[in-house]
Structures are given as C-alpha cells and as structure tokens.
C-alpha cells in the first residue's frame, strides 16, 4: 500500500509544483488528509485507475475514501485485489 500512497503523493506534488517530500511532510502534519478539491480528486482518481488498470466505483464508500491518502490507497488496493481475483 505504501507504493500506492507514494504514487498519490507524486501526483499531488506534480499538481502543486512542489516536491513529493514537501507534500508528504504537509500530509504528515495534517494526518494524511487529502488537501484537494473535487476536481483534483477526479483527476487523481483517473490517473490512478489508468496506472493500476482498475476501476474505482463511484459510490459513497469511494467518496469517503478520497478524504485521506491512506483510505484512498486502501480503496485502490481493494480494487487491484478484486481485479486479480476475477
């Protein structure tokens, strides 16, 4: 799951124009909450889906997962595991 978290942080850093280390430090201070608006969430979600060849369902659970990096990474990992089992 740490790999997925790193990818999310890399995407946030790219968008923000800062280094991944700076983003990680900011997230560590804020409890790994995603400091983004809904448009950026959609962009990150799309990039994650493309990178890992998964589809994250657009349901309430997925929406709640986008509030934190760790929860979002967990939702991505669940989608990867589900894809591998099918």
Foldseek 3Di string as FASTA:
>chain_A
DVVQLLLLLCLVCVVVVHDSVVSVVVCVVVVQFDPDDPVVLVVSQVVLCVVLVFHQDPDPQCVVQNGGSVSNSVSSVVRSVVVVVD
